[in-house]
C-alpha atoms as a PDB file:
ATOM      1  CA  MET A   1     -16.399  14.451  40.687  1.00  0.00           C
ATOM      2  CA  LYS A   2     -17.071  15.464  44.632  1.00  0.00           C
ATOM      3  CA  LYS A   3     -13.497  17.401  44.381  1.00  0.00           C
ATOM      4  CA  HIS A   4     -14.610  19.365  41.234  1.00  0.00           C
ATOM      5  CA  ALA A   5     -18.305  20.314  42.916  1.00  0.00           C
ATOM      6  CA  THR A   6     -16.179  21.222  46.032  1.00  0.00           C
ATOM      7  CA  PHE A   7     -13.729  23.556  44.117  1.00  0.00           C
ATOM      8  CA  LEU A   8     -15.912  25.103  41.740  1.00  0.00           C
ATOM      9  CA  GLY A   9     -18.743  25.709  45.111  1.00  0.00           C
ATOM     10  CA  SER A  10     -15.732  27.330  47.082  1.00  0.00           C
ATOM     11  CA  PHE A  11     -14.347  29.178  43.867  1.00  0.00           C
ATOM     12  CA  LEU A  12     -17.652  30.778  43.784  1.00  0.00           C
ATOM     13  CA  VAL A  13     -18.133  31.765  47.103  1.00  0.00           C
ATOM     14  CA  VAL A  14     -14.473  33.227  47.382  1.00  0.00           C
ATOM     15  CA  TYR A  15     -14.908  34.767  44.304  1.00  0.00           C
ATOM     16  CA  ILE A  16     -18.005  36.610  45.257  1.00  0.00           C
ATOM     17  CA  GLY A  17     -16.874  37.349  48.470  1.00  0.00           C
ATOM     18  CA  LEU A  18     -13.706  38.860  46.955  1.00  0.00           C
ATOM     19  CA  GLN A  19     -15.866  41.008  44.285  1.00  0.00           C
ATOM     20  CA  ILE A  20     -18.098  42.418  47.102  1.00  0.00           C
ATOM     21  CA  LEU A  21     -15.089  43.298  49.414  1.00  0.00           C
ATOM     22  CA  SER A  22     -13.649  44.996  46.615  1.00  0.00           C
ATOM     23  CA  GLY A  23     -16.919  46.721  46.288  1.00  0.00           C
ATOM     24  CA  MET A  24     -17.138  47.843  49.484  1.00  0.00           C
ATOM     25  CA  VAL A  25     -13.448  49.193  49.856  1.00  0.00           C
ATOM     26  CA  LEU A  26     -13.829  51.186  46.387  1.00  0.00           C
ATOM     27  CA  THR A  27     -16.819  52.992  47.903  1.00  0.00           C
ATOM     28  CA  MET A  28     -15.155  53.674  50.984  1.00  0.00           C
ATOM     29  CA  PHE A  29     -12.045  55.287  49.326  1.00  0.00           C
ATOM     30  CA  TYR A  30     -14.267  57.109  46.654  1.00  0.00           C
ATOM     31  CA  SER A  31     -14.330  60.830  46.574  1.00  0.00           C
ATOM     32  CA  ALA A  32     -16.319  62.401  43.935  1.00  0.00           C
ATOM     33  CA  GLU A  33     -14.515  65.265  41.549  1.00  0.00           C
ATOM     34  CA  ILE A  34     -16.087  68.363  42.041  1.00  0.00           C
ATOM     35  CA  ILE A  35     -14.211  70.755  39.861  1.00  0.00           C
ATOM     36  CA  HIS A  36     -15.329  68.059  36.898  1.00  0.00           C
ATOM     37  CA  SER A  37     -19.104  68.566  37.491  1.00  0.00           C
ATOM     38  CA  LEU A  38     -19.231  72.288  37.960  1.00  0.00           C
ATOM     39  CA  GLY A  39     -17.100  73.038  35.234  1.00  0.00           C
ATOM     40  CA  SER A  40     -19.258  70.717  32.739  1.00  0.00           C
ATOM     41  CA  THR A  41     -21.073  72.376  29.818  1.00  0.00           C
ATOM     42  CA  PRO A  42     -24.776  71.075  29.139  1.00  0.00           C
ATOM     43  CA  SER A  43     -23.424  68.648  26.100  1.00  0.00           C
ATOM     44  CA  THR A  44     -21.438  66.622  28.577  1.00  0.00           C
ATOM     45  CA  ALA A  45     -24.175  66.892  31.333  1.00  0.00           C
ATOM     46  CA  SER A  46     -25.458  63.638  30.529  1.00  0.00           C
ATOM     47  CA  GLU A  47     -22.217  61.730  29.927  1.00  0.00           C
ATOM     48  CA  VAL A  48     -21.063  59.478  33.255  1.00  0.00           C
ATOM     49  CA  ALA A  49     -17.924  58.584  33.850  1.00  0.00           C
ATOM     50  CA  PHE A  50     -17.404  55.199  34.874  1.00  0.00           C
ATOM     51  CA  GLY A  51     -13.351  54.933  35.450  1.00  0.00           C
ATOM     52  CA  GLU A  52     -11.153  52.663  33.620  1.00  0.00           C
ATOM     53  CA  VAL A  53     -11.502  48.552  33.484  1.00  0.00           C
ATOM     54  CA  SER A  54      -8.064  46.920  35.022  1.00  0.00           C
ATOM     55  CA  PHE A  55      -7.807  43.565  33.398  1.00  0.00           C
ATOM     56  CA  ILE A  56      -5.126  42.577  35.229  1.00  0.00           C
ATOM     57  CA  ARG A  57      -6.834  43.589  38.628  1.00  0.00           C
ATOM     58  CA  GLY A  58      -9.781  41.239  37.587  1.00  0.00           C
ATOM     59  CA  ALA A  59      -7.126  38.157  36.328  1.00  0.00           C
ATOM     60  CA  GLY A  60      -5.806  38.590  39.671  1.00  0.00           C
ATOM     61  CA  MET A  61      -8.534  38.292  41.746  1.00  0.00           C
ATOM     62  CA  VAL A  62      -9.685  35.110  39.468  1.00  0.00           C
ATOM     63  CA  VAL A  63      -6.093  33.535  40.584  1.00  0.00           C
ATOM     64  CA  VAL A  64      -6.586  34.461  44.000  1.00  0.00           C
ATOM     65  CA  ALA A  65      -9.840  33.068  44.341  1.00  0.00           C
ATOM     66  CA  ALA A  66      -9.031  29.582  42.497  1.00  0.00           C
ATOM     67  CA  VAL A  67      -5.806  29.439  44.894  1.00  0.00           C
ATOM     68  CA  ILE A  68      -8.019  29.618  47.869  1.00  0.00           C
ATOM     69  CA  ALA A  69     -10.555  27.125  46.255  1.00  0.00           C
ATOM     70  CA  PHE A  70      -7.886  24.568  45.609  1.00  0.00           C
ATOM     71  CA  LEU A  71      -6.512  24.900  49.039  1.00  0.00           C
ATOM     72  CA  ILE A  72      -9.971  24.118  50.559  1.00  0.00           C
ATOM     73  CA  THR A  73     -10.697  21.128  48.152  1.00  0.00           C
ATOM     74  CA  LYS A  74      -7.435  20.018  49.470  1.00  0.00           C
ATOM     75  CA  VAL A  75      -8.082  20.185  53.189  1.00  0.00           C
ATOM     76  CA  CYS A  76     -11.486  19.037  52.684  1.00  0.00           C
ATOM     77  CA  HIS A  77     -10.474  15.748  51.033  1.00  0.00           C
ATOM     78  CA  ARG A  78      -7.373  15.128  52.815  1.00  0.00           C
ATOM     79  CA  PRO A  79      -7.323  11.386  53.481  1.00  0.00           C
ATOM     80  CA  LYS A  80      -8.402  10.649  57.600  1.00  0.00           C
ATOM     81  CA  THR A  81      -5.144   9.431  59.382  1.00  0.00           C
ATOM     82  CA  GLN A  82      -5.807   6.607  61.704  1.00  0.00           C
ATOM     83  CA  THR A  83      -4.018   6.809  64.823  1.00  0.00           C
ATOM     84  CA  HIS A  84      -2.439   3.119  66.657  1.00  0.00           C
ATOM     85  CA  ALA A  85      -2.113   2.849  70.559  1.00  0.00           C
END
């Protein structure tokens, strides 16, 4: 049960960290397209374009977070080796 808790906790921390890092990178490289906003008509002035949703990118982040969490679980629950003198 302890391994499951370690995996779940590390998965959540890594996944949320990846989401925050991804948001920071996307915000850093965002550039508004002024041509579309200048050429808008009054009927489309209230519409907001949020971009496209990529299932592969989201699934890829989940897989990366799961692999990292699995490795953290393996390292944390490694049997202690005894050294004999």
